[in-house]
Amino acid sequence: MTEIHTPRLLLRRWHDDDLAPLADINADPRVMQWIGDGSTLDLDQTAEAIERWEEEWDDEGFGIFAVELLASGELAGLVGLTVPTYLPEVLPAVEIRWRLGQSFWGQGYASEAAQATLEFALQDRGLDRVIAIDRMGNDASANVIRKLGMEPERETTHPEYGFALQVHAIDLTEYV
């Protein structure tokens, strides 16, 4: 089983008891405002998402981790790697993404988890390039992307929802 330990976090595969806390995170409109069309997700939609992420682990050898606080065991959210099939123009690519519950914002957890995931992608999984896609105006995500050392690569439009996206990238030769 793949796990990553950081100073404050455990990145791990999903457990059954993660469903309710992740559903609470996904039900928060402030958390979801920059994700997809901004709609919240209910318990069933959250369960379907976890199932898709677990399938991606099986199919690709990478996926979305649950982010657990080491100090308390609380589920803070998610971080991980996925193939961004919704944006065919960047394929083949692997995207890093994250989502934390509002009570975990502003404490450096997203950057800590994303940095560990990027290292996992480039060093453990042998990927030679990773991208991040953020919606224009999402300053918090843009800040995490900058901390990862990713450079803007292109601007585009979400094919389904029509809003502006920024694609950032880093490859193994740029990773320090």
N, C-alpha and C. Protein backbone atom coordinates (compact mmCIF):
# COMPACT_ATOMS: atom_id res chain seq x y z
N MET A 1 0.85 -1.20 0.00
CA MET A 1 0.00 0.00 0.00
C MET A 1 0.89 1.25 0.00
N THR A 2 0.55 2.19 -0.84
CA THR A 2 1.33 3.40 -0.98
C THR A 2 0.92 4.43 0.07
N GLU A 3 1.90 4.87 0.85
CA GLU A 3 1.69 5.94 1.82
C GLU A 3 2.88 6.88 1.77
N ILE A 4 2.60 8.15 2.01
CA ILE A 4 3.65 9.16 2.09
C ILE A 4 3.48 9.89 3.41
N HIS A 5 4.56 9.99 4.15
CA HIS A 5 4.56 10.75 5.41
C HIS A 5 5.30 12.05 5.17
N THR A 6 4.71 13.15 5.63
CA THR A 6 5.37 14.45 5.66
C THR A 6 5.47 14.83 7.14
N PRO A 7 6.06 15.95 7.47
CA PRO A 7 6.15 16.30 8.89
C PRO A 7 4.80 16.34 9.62
N ARG A 8 3.73 16.73 8.91
CA ARG A 8 2.44 16.86 9.59
C ARG A 8 1.32 16.01 9.01
N LEU A 9 1.59 15.33 7.90
CA LEU A 9 0.51 14.68 7.16
C LEU A 9 0.84 13.23 6.81
N LEU A 10 -0.22 12.47 6.63
CA LEU A 10 -0.14 11.14 6.04
C LEU A 10 -0.97 11.18 4.77
N LEU A 11 -0.34 10.87 3.66
CA LEU A 11 -1.05 10.74 2.38
C LEU A 11 -1.22 9.25 2.16
N ARG A 12 -2.46 8.80 1.99
CA ARG A 12 -2.73 7.37 1.96
C ARG A 12 -3.92 7.08 1.06
N ARG A 13 -4.12 5.79 0.81
CA ARG A 13 -5.29 5.35 0.06
C ARG A 13 -6.54 5.54 0.94
N TRP A 14 -7.69 5.40 0.33
CA TRP A 14 -8.96 5.71 0.98
C TRP A 14 -9.46 4.56 1.86
N HIS A 15 -10.05 4.92 3.00
CA HIS A 15 -10.70 3.98 3.92
C HIS A 15 -12.20 4.24 3.89
N ASP A 16 -12.98 3.26 4.27
CA ASP A 16 -14.44 3.42 4.31
C ASP A 16 -14.88 4.59 5.18
N ASP A 17 -14.17 4.80 6.30
CA ASP A 17 -14.58 5.87 7.21
C ASP A 17 -14.17 7.26 6.73
N ASP A 18 -13.56 7.36 5.54
CA ASP A 18 -13.25 8.67 4.95
C ASP A 18 -14.46 9.27 4.23
N LEU A 19 -15.43 8.45 3.90
CA LEU A 19 -16.55 8.92 3.07
C LEU A 19 -17.29 10.09 3.70
N ALA A 20 -17.72 9.96 4.94
CA ALA A 20 -18.51 11.03 5.57
C ALA A 20 -17.72 12.33 5.70
N PRO A 21 -16.46 12.31 6.19
CA PRO A 21 -15.75 13.58 6.28
C PRO A 21 -15.46 14.21 4.92
N LEU A 22 -15.18 13.38 3.89
CA LEU A 22 -14.96 13.96 2.57
C LEU A 22 -16.26 14.51 2.00
N ALA A 23 -17.37 13.84 2.25
CA ALA A 23 -18.66 14.36 1.80
C ALA A 23 -18.96 15.70 2.45
N ASP A 24 -18.58 15.88 3.72
CA ASP A 24 -18.76 17.17 4.38
C ASP A 24 -17.92 18.26 3.69
N ILE A 25 -16.68 17.91 3.33
CA ILE A 25 -15.82 18.87 2.62
C ILE A 25 -16.45 19.22 1.28
N ASN A 26 -16.91 18.19 0.55
CA ASN A 26 -17.49 18.40 -0.78
C ASN A 26 -18.84 19.11 -0.75
N ALA A 27 -19.48 19.16 0.41
CA ALA A 27 -20.77 19.85 0.55
C ALA A 27 -20.61 21.34 0.86
N ASP A 28 -19.38 21.79 1.04
CA ASP A 28 -19.11 23.19 1.39
C ASP A 28 -18.97 24.03 0.11
N PRO A 29 -19.87 24.97 -0.13
CA PRO A 29 -19.80 25.78 -1.35
C PRO A 29 -18.49 26.56 -1.49
N ARG A 30 -17.89 26.99 -0.39
CA ARG A 30 -16.62 27.73 -0.50
C ARG A 30 -15.50 26.82 -0.97
N VAL A 31 -15.49 25.57 -0.52
CA VAL A 31 -14.48 24.61 -0.97
C VAL A 31 -14.66 24.33 -2.46
N MET A 32 -15.89 24.16 -2.89
CA MET A 32 -16.16 23.70 -4.25
C MET A 32 -16.25 24.81 -5.29
N GLN A 33 -16.16 26.07 -4.86
CA GLN A 33 -16.38 27.17 -5.81
C GLN A 33 -15.44 27.16 -7.01
N TRP A 34 -14.24 26.60 -6.88
CA TRP A 34 -13.26 26.60 -7.98
C TRP A 34 -13.17 25.24 -8.66
N ILE A 35 -13.99 24.28 -8.27
CA ILE A 35 -13.89 22.92 -8.77
C ILE A 35 -15.06 22.63 -9.69
N GLY A 36 -14.74 22.13 -10.89
CA GLY A 36 -15.80 21.84 -11.86
C GLY A 36 -16.65 23.06 -12.12
N ASP A 37 -17.95 22.89 -12.05
CA ASP A 37 -18.86 24.03 -12.27
C ASP A 37 -19.19 24.75 -10.97
N GLY A 38 -18.51 24.36 -9.88
CA GLY A 38 -18.73 25.01 -8.58
C GLY A 38 -19.82 24.35 -7.75
N SER A 39 -20.44 23.29 -8.28
CA SER A 39 -21.49 22.61 -7.53
C SER A 39 -20.90 21.78 -6.40
N THR A 40 -21.65 21.71 -5.31
CA THR A 40 -21.27 20.83 -4.21
C THR A 40 -21.61 19.39 -4.59
N LEU A 41 -21.03 18.45 -3.86
CA LEU A 41 -21.28 17.03 -4.10
C LEU A 41 -21.91 16.42 -2.86
N ASP A 42 -22.85 15.50 -3.08
CA ASP A 42 -23.49 14.83 -1.94
C ASP A 42 -22.73 13.54 -1.60
N LEU A 43 -23.26 12.78 -0.66
CA LEU A 43 -22.61 11.56 -0.18
C LEU A 43 -22.41 10.55 -1.32
N ASP A 44 -23.45 10.34 -2.13
CA ASP A 44 -23.34 9.37 -3.23
C ASP A 44 -22.32 9.81 -4.27
N GLN A 45 -22.32 11.09 -4.61
CA GLN A 45 -21.34 11.60 -5.59
C GLN A 45 -19.92 11.49 -5.04
N THR A 46 -19.76 11.72 -3.76
CA THR A 46 -18.44 11.59 -3.12
C THR A 46 -17.99 10.14 -3.16
N ALA A 47 -18.90 9.20 -2.87
CA ALA A 47 -18.57 7.77 -2.92
C ALA A 47 -18.15 7.37 -4.33
N GLU A 48 -18.84 7.88 -5.34
CA GLU A 48 -18.48 7.60 -6.74
C GLU A 48 -17.10 8.14 -7.07
N ALA A 49 -16.78 9.33 -6.57
CA ALA A 49 -15.47 9.92 -6.82
C ALA A 49 -14.36 9.07 -6.20
N ILE A 50 -14.54 8.66 -4.97
CA ILE A 50 -13.54 7.81 -4.31
C ILE A 50 -13.35 6.51 -5.09
N GLU A 51 -14.45 5.94 -5.55
CA GLU A 51 -14.36 4.71 -6.34
C GLU A 51 -13.56 4.93 -7.63
N ARG A 52 -13.80 6.05 -8.32
CA ARG A 52 -13.03 6.37 -9.54
C ARG A 52 -11.55 6.54 -9.22
N TRP A 53 -11.24 7.23 -8.09
CA TRP A 53 -9.84 7.45 -7.72
C TRP A 53 -9.15 6.13 -7.42
N GLU A 54 -9.85 5.24 -6.74
CA GLU A 54 -9.26 3.93 -6.43
C GLU A 54 -9.03 3.12 -7.70
N GLU A 55 -9.95 3.21 -8.65
CA GLU A 55 -9.76 2.54 -9.94
C GLU A 55 -8.55 3.09 -10.67
N GLU A 56 -8.35 4.41 -10.59
CA GLU A 56 -7.19 5.01 -11.25
C GLU A 56 -5.89 4.50 -10.63
N TRP A 57 -5.88 4.32 -9.31
CA TRP A 57 -4.71 3.72 -8.66
C TRP A 57 -4.42 2.36 -9.28
N ASP A 58 -5.46 1.55 -9.44
CA ASP A 58 -5.28 0.21 -10.00
C ASP A 58 -4.83 0.26 -11.46
N ASP A 59 -5.39 1.17 -12.24
CA ASP A 59 -5.10 1.25 -13.67
C ASP A 59 -3.79 1.95 -13.99
N GLU A 60 -3.46 3.02 -13.25
CA GLU A 60 -2.33 3.88 -13.62
C GLU A 60 -1.12 3.74 -12.69
N GLY A 61 -1.34 3.22 -11.48
CA GLY A 61 -0.24 3.16 -10.52
C GLY A 61 -0.06 4.45 -9.75
N PHE A 62 -1.00 5.37 -9.92
CA PHE A 62 -1.06 6.61 -9.15
C PHE A 62 -2.52 6.99 -9.03
N GLY A 63 -2.78 7.98 -8.16
CA GLY A 63 -4.16 8.40 -7.98
C GLY A 63 -4.27 9.49 -6.94
N ILE A 64 -5.45 9.63 -6.41
CA ILE A 64 -5.74 10.67 -5.42
C ILE A 64 -5.61 10.05 -4.02
N PHE A 65 -4.79 10.70 -3.19
CA PHE A 65 -4.59 10.29 -1.81
C PHE A 65 -5.61 10.96 -0.88
N ALA A 66 -5.96 10.29 0.19
CA ALA A 66 -6.60 10.94 1.33
C ALA A 66 -5.49 11.66 2.10
N VAL A 67 -5.77 12.86 2.60
CA VAL A 67 -4.81 13.63 3.39
C VAL A 67 -5.29 13.61 4.83
N GLU A 68 -4.49 12.97 5.68
CA GLU A 68 -4.82 12.82 7.09
C GLU A 68 -3.81 13.60 7.93
N LEU A 69 -4.30 14.31 8.93
CA LEU A 69 -3.41 15.00 9.86
C LEU A 69 -2.80 13.98 10.81
N LEU A 70 -1.48 13.96 10.90
CA LEU A 70 -0.82 13.00 11.80
C LEU A 70 -1.19 13.26 13.26
N ALA A 71 -1.29 14.51 13.65
CA ALA A 71 -1.52 14.84 15.05
C ALA A 71 -2.88 14.38 15.56
N SER A 72 -3.91 14.43 14.69
CA SER A 72 -5.26 14.15 15.16
C SER A 72 -5.94 12.98 14.45
N GLY A 73 -5.42 12.57 13.31
CA GLY A 73 -6.07 11.53 12.52
C GLY A 73 -7.24 12.04 11.69
N GLU A 74 -7.48 13.36 11.71
CA GLU A 74 -8.59 13.94 10.94
C GLU A 74 -8.30 13.88 9.45
N LEU A 75 -9.35 13.68 8.66
CA LEU A 75 -9.24 13.79 7.21
C LEU A 75 -9.30 15.27 6.85
N ALA A 76 -8.21 15.78 6.27
CA ALA A 76 -8.15 17.19 5.90
C ALA A 76 -8.63 17.43 4.47
N GLY A 77 -8.57 16.39 3.63
CA GLY A 77 -8.98 16.54 2.25
C GLY A 77 -8.28 15.53 1.37
N LEU A 78 -7.88 15.98 0.19
CA LEU A 78 -7.28 15.10 -0.79
C LEU A 78 -6.17 15.81 -1.54
N VAL A 79 -5.26 15.01 -2.08
CA VAL A 79 -4.20 15.48 -2.96
C VAL A 79 -3.82 14.29 -3.82
N GLY A 80 -3.35 14.54 -5.02
CA GLY A 80 -2.90 13.40 -5.80
C GLY A 80 -2.73 13.69 -7.26
N LEU A 81 -2.62 12.61 -8.00
CA LEU A 81 -2.33 12.64 -9.43
C LEU A 81 -3.48 12.01 -10.19
N THR A 82 -3.81 12.61 -11.33
CA THR A 82 -4.89 12.09 -12.15
C THR A 82 -4.63 12.49 -13.60
N VAL A 83 -5.25 11.77 -14.51
CA VAL A 83 -5.18 12.11 -15.93
C VAL A 83 -6.34 13.06 -16.21
N PRO A 84 -6.05 14.29 -16.67
CA PRO A 84 -7.11 15.29 -16.88
C PRO A 84 -7.85 15.09 -18.20
N THR A 85 -8.66 14.04 -18.26
CA THR A 85 -9.35 13.70 -19.51
C THR A 85 -10.35 14.78 -19.94
N TYR A 86 -10.78 15.63 -19.01
CA TYR A 86 -11.72 16.70 -19.35
C TYR A 86 -11.07 17.78 -20.23
N LEU A 87 -9.74 17.78 -20.33
CA LEU A 87 -9.03 18.79 -21.11
C LEU A 87 -8.11 18.08 -22.12
N PRO A 88 -8.69 17.54 -23.21
CA PRO A 88 -7.94 16.71 -24.15
C PRO A 88 -6.70 17.39 -24.74
N GLU A 89 -6.70 18.70 -24.83
CA GLU A 89 -5.57 19.40 -25.47
C GLU A 89 -4.26 19.25 -24.71
N VAL A 90 -4.31 18.87 -23.43
CA VAL A 90 -3.07 18.72 -22.66
C VAL A 90 -2.59 17.27 -22.59
N LEU A 91 -3.38 16.35 -23.13
CA LEU A 91 -3.03 14.93 -23.05
C LEU A 91 -1.94 14.57 -24.06
N PRO A 92 -1.09 13.62 -23.77
CA PRO A 92 -1.06 12.86 -22.52
C PRO A 92 -0.42 13.68 -21.42
N ALA A 93 -1.02 13.70 -20.29
CA ALA A 93 -0.49 14.47 -19.16
C ALA A 93 -0.99 13.86 -17.87
N VAL A 94 -0.28 14.16 -16.81
CA VAL A 94 -0.71 13.79 -15.46
C VAL A 94 -0.79 15.10 -14.68
N GLU A 95 -1.94 15.30 -14.03
CA GLU A 95 -2.22 16.53 -13.29
C GLU A 95 -2.12 16.27 -11.80
N ILE A 96 -1.55 17.22 -11.08
CA ILE A 96 -1.59 17.20 -9.63
C ILE A 96 -2.76 18.08 -9.19
N ARG A 97 -3.52 17.60 -8.21
CA ARG A 97 -4.65 18.40 -7.71
C ARG A 97 -4.80 18.21 -6.22
N TRP A 98 -5.51 19.11 -5.59
CA TRP A 98 -5.72 19.06 -4.15
C TRP A 98 -7.03 19.73 -3.81
N ARG A 99 -7.55 19.38 -2.63
CA ARG A 99 -8.78 19.98 -2.10
C ARG A 99 -8.76 19.74 -0.60
N LEU A 100 -8.84 20.81 0.16
CA LEU A 100 -8.86 20.68 1.62
C LEU A 100 -10.12 21.31 2.18
N GLY A 101 -10.56 20.77 3.31
CA GLY A 101 -11.67 21.38 4.02
C GLY A 101 -11.29 22.78 4.49
N GLN A 102 -12.29 23.63 4.56
CA GLN A 102 -12.06 25.04 4.89
C GLN A 102 -11.31 25.24 6.20
N SER A 103 -11.56 24.40 7.18
CA SER A 103 -10.88 24.56 8.47
C SER A 103 -9.39 24.26 8.40
N PHE A 104 -8.94 23.72 7.28
CA PHE A 104 -7.51 23.40 7.10
C PHE A 104 -6.79 24.37 6.17
N TRP A 105 -7.50 25.40 5.72
CA TRP A 105 -6.90 26.40 4.83
C TRP A 105 -5.94 27.30 5.60
N GLY A 106 -4.97 27.85 4.87
CA GLY A 106 -4.07 28.86 5.42
C GLY A 106 -3.03 28.34 6.40
N GLN A 107 -2.81 27.03 6.44
CA GLN A 107 -1.87 26.44 7.38
C GLN A 107 -0.70 25.74 6.68
N GLY A 108 -0.64 25.86 5.35
CA GLY A 108 0.45 25.24 4.60
C GLY A 108 0.25 23.77 4.29
N TYR A 109 -0.90 23.21 4.63
CA TYR A 109 -1.12 21.79 4.38
C TYR A 109 -1.17 21.47 2.88
N ALA A 110 -1.83 22.32 2.09
CA ALA A 110 -1.93 22.06 0.65
C ALA A 110 -0.55 22.04 0.02
N SER A 111 0.29 23.00 0.37
CA SER A 111 1.65 23.04 -0.19
C SER A 111 2.47 21.84 0.26
N GLU A 112 2.35 21.48 1.52
CA GLU A 112 3.10 20.33 2.05
C GLU A 112 2.68 19.03 1.35
N ALA A 113 1.39 18.84 1.20
CA ALA A 113 0.88 17.63 0.56
C ALA A 113 1.22 17.61 -0.93
N ALA A 114 1.08 18.75 -1.59
CA ALA A 114 1.35 18.83 -3.02
C ALA A 114 2.84 18.62 -3.31
N GLN A 115 3.71 19.17 -2.48
CA GLN A 115 5.15 18.99 -2.68
C GLN A 115 5.52 17.50 -2.55
N ALA A 116 4.97 16.84 -1.56
CA ALA A 116 5.25 15.41 -1.37
C ALA A 116 4.71 14.59 -2.54
N THR A 117 3.55 14.99 -3.06
CA THR A 117 2.95 14.28 -4.19
C THR A 117 3.76 14.51 -5.47
N LEU A 118 4.26 15.72 -5.66
CA LEU A 118 5.09 16.00 -6.83
C LEU A 118 6.37 15.18 -6.78
N GLU A 119 6.98 15.11 -5.62
CA GLU A 119 8.18 14.28 -5.46
C GLU A 119 7.87 12.81 -5.75
N PHE A 120 6.74 12.33 -5.25
CA PHE A 120 6.29 10.96 -5.53
C PHE A 120 6.14 10.73 -7.03
N ALA A 121 5.54 11.69 -7.72
CA ALA A 121 5.31 11.56 -9.17
C ALA A 121 6.61 11.46 -9.95
N LEU A 122 7.53 12.38 -9.64
CA LEU A 122 8.76 12.49 -10.44
C LEU A 122 9.82 11.49 -10.03
N GLN A 123 9.86 11.13 -8.75
CA GLN A 123 10.94 10.26 -8.29
C GLN A 123 10.49 8.81 -8.10
N ASP A 124 9.33 8.60 -7.53
CA ASP A 124 8.86 7.24 -7.26
C ASP A 124 8.16 6.63 -8.47
N ARG A 125 7.28 7.38 -9.12
CA ARG A 125 6.50 6.86 -10.24
C ARG A 125 7.18 7.05 -11.59
N GLY A 126 8.29 7.76 -11.62
CA GLY A 126 9.05 7.90 -12.85
C GLY A 126 8.42 8.78 -13.91
N LEU A 127 7.49 9.62 -13.52
CA LEU A 127 6.92 10.55 -14.49
C LEU A 127 7.96 11.61 -14.83
N ASP A 128 8.00 12.04 -16.07
CA ASP A 128 8.99 13.05 -16.43
C ASP A 128 8.39 14.45 -16.50
N ARG A 129 7.07 14.55 -16.31
CA ARG A 129 6.40 15.85 -16.38
C ARG A 129 5.08 15.77 -15.62
N VAL A 130 4.75 16.83 -14.90
CA VAL A 130 3.48 16.93 -14.18
C VAL A 130 2.92 18.32 -14.45
N ILE A 131 1.60 18.40 -14.61
CA ILE A 131 0.95 19.69 -14.81
C ILE A 131 0.01 19.98 -13.64
N ALA A 132 -0.35 21.24 -13.54
CA ALA A 132 -1.41 21.68 -12.62
C ALA A 132 -2.31 22.60 -13.44
N ILE A 133 -3.60 22.47 -13.24
CA ILE A 133 -4.57 23.28 -13.97
C ILE A 133 -5.38 24.04 -12.94
N ASP A 134 -5.35 25.36 -13.05
CA ASP A 134 -6.17 26.12 -12.11
C ASP A 134 -7.05 27.11 -12.85
N ARG A 135 -8.15 27.41 -12.22
CA ARG A 135 -9.11 28.36 -12.76
C ARG A 135 -8.59 29.76 -12.48
N MET A 136 -8.61 30.61 -13.48
CA MET A 136 -8.16 31.98 -13.32
C MET A 136 -8.92 32.64 -12.17
N GLY A 137 -8.19 33.29 -11.29
CA GLY A 137 -8.79 33.96 -10.15
C GLY A 137 -8.67 33.17 -8.86
N ASN A 138 -8.29 31.91 -8.94
CA ASN A 138 -8.13 31.08 -7.75
C ASN A 138 -6.73 31.31 -7.20
N ASP A 139 -6.58 32.40 -6.47
CA ASP A 139 -5.26 32.82 -5.99
C ASP A 139 -4.63 31.82 -5.03
N ALA A 140 -5.43 31.14 -4.22
CA ALA A 140 -4.87 30.17 -3.27
C ALA A 140 -4.19 29.01 -4.02
N SER A 141 -4.84 28.48 -5.04
CA SER A 141 -4.22 27.41 -5.82
C SER A 141 -3.02 27.92 -6.60
N ALA A 142 -3.13 29.12 -7.14
CA ALA A 142 -1.99 29.69 -7.87
C ALA A 142 -0.77 29.82 -6.97
N ASN A 143 -0.99 30.14 -5.71
CA ASN A 143 0.10 30.25 -4.75
C ASN A 143 0.77 28.89 -4.51
N VAL A 144 -0.03 27.84 -4.36
CA VAL A 144 0.53 26.50 -4.18
C VAL A 144 1.33 26.11 -5.42
N ILE A 145 0.80 26.39 -6.59
CA ILE A 145 1.47 26.05 -7.85
C ILE A 145 2.82 26.76 -7.94
N ARG A 146 2.87 28.01 -7.55
CA ARG A 146 4.15 28.74 -7.55
C ARG A 146 5.15 28.08 -6.60
N LYS A 147 4.68 27.70 -5.42
CA LYS A 147 5.56 27.05 -4.44
C LYS A 147 6.11 25.72 -4.96
N LEU A 148 5.38 25.06 -5.85
CA LEU A 148 5.84 23.81 -6.45
C LEU A 148 6.91 24.04 -7.52
N GLY A 149 7.11 25.30 -7.91
CA GLY A 149 8.09 25.61 -8.94
C GLY A 149 7.57 25.41 -10.35
N MET A 150 6.26 25.29 -10.49
CA MET A 150 5.67 25.10 -11.81
C MET A 150 5.60 26.42 -12.56
N GLU A 151 5.78 26.35 -13.86
CA GLU A 151 5.76 27.53 -14.71
C GLU A 151 4.50 27.53 -15.57
N PRO A 152 3.93 28.73 -15.81
CA PRO A 152 2.77 28.80 -16.72
C PRO A 152 3.15 28.27 -18.10
N GLU A 153 2.27 27.47 -18.66
CA GLU A 153 2.52 26.88 -19.96
C GLU A 153 1.55 27.40 -21.02
N ARG A 154 0.29 27.52 -20.63
CA ARG A 154 -0.71 28.02 -21.57
C ARG A 154 -1.97 28.44 -20.84
N GLU A 155 -2.74 29.28 -21.49
CA GLU A 155 -4.08 29.62 -21.03
C GLU A 155 -5.05 28.95 -21.99
N THR A 156 -6.16 28.51 -21.44
CA THR A 156 -7.17 27.85 -22.26
C THR A 156 -8.53 28.08 -21.63
N THR A 157 -9.53 27.48 -22.20
CA THR A 157 -10.90 27.60 -21.70
C THR A 157 -11.42 26.22 -21.36
N HIS A 158 -12.11 26.11 -20.24
CA HIS A 158 -12.70 24.83 -19.86
C HIS A 158 -13.70 24.44 -20.96
N PRO A 159 -13.56 23.26 -21.55
CA PRO A 159 -14.40 22.89 -22.69
C PRO A 159 -15.88 22.75 -22.36
N GLU A 160 -16.21 22.44 -21.12
CA GLU A 160 -17.62 22.27 -20.76
C GLU A 160 -18.23 23.51 -20.13
N TYR A 161 -17.45 24.21 -19.26
CA TYR A 161 -18.02 25.31 -18.48
C TYR A 161 -17.64 26.68 -19.00
N GLY A 162 -16.65 26.77 -19.87
CA GLY A 162 -16.33 28.02 -20.54
C GLY A 162 -15.49 29.01 -19.76
N PHE A 163 -15.03 28.70 -18.56
CA PHE A 163 -14.21 29.67 -17.83
C PHE A 163 -12.73 29.49 -18.17
N ALA A 164 -11.96 30.53 -17.89
CA ALA A 164 -10.54 30.56 -18.23
C ALA A 164 -9.73 29.68 -17.28
N LEU A 165 -8.80 28.93 -17.86
CA LEU A 165 -7.90 28.05 -17.11
C LEU A 165 -6.47 28.41 -17.42
N GLN A 166 -5.60 28.20 -16.45
CA GLN A 166 -4.16 28.34 -16.63
C GLN A 166 -3.54 26.96 -16.42
N VAL A 167 -2.74 26.53 -17.38
CA VAL A 167 -2.03 25.26 -17.26
C VAL A 167 -0.58 25.56 -16.91
N HIS A 168 -0.08 24.93 -15.86
CA HIS A 168 1.30 25.08 -15.40
C HIS A 168 1.97 23.73 -15.53
N ALA A 169 3.29 23.72 -15.64
CA ALA A 169 4.00 22.45 -15.77
C ALA A 169 5.37 22.51 -15.12
N ILE A 170 5.86 21.33 -14.79
CA ILE A 170 7.24 21.17 -14.34
C ILE A 170 7.69 19.81 -14.86
N ASP A 171 8.93 19.74 -15.28
CA ASP A 171 9.43 18.43 -15.67
C ASP A 171 10.61 18.06 -14.79
N LEU A 172 11.01 16.82 -14.92
CA LEU A 172 12.02 16.27 -14.05
C LEU A 172 13.33 17.08 -14.07
N THR A 173 13.67 17.64 -15.21
CA THR A 173 14.91 18.41 -15.30
C THR A 173 14.82 19.74 -14.55
N GLU A 174 13.60 20.23 -14.31
CA GLU A 174 13.41 21.50 -13.59
C GLU A 174 13.19 21.30 -12.10
N TYR A 175 12.90 20.06 -11.71
CA TYR A 175 12.56 19.78 -10.32
C TYR A 175 13.81 19.77 -9.46
N VAL A 176 13.76 20.50 -8.37
CA VAL A 176 14.91 20.54 -7.46
C VAL A 176 14.54 19.96 -6.12
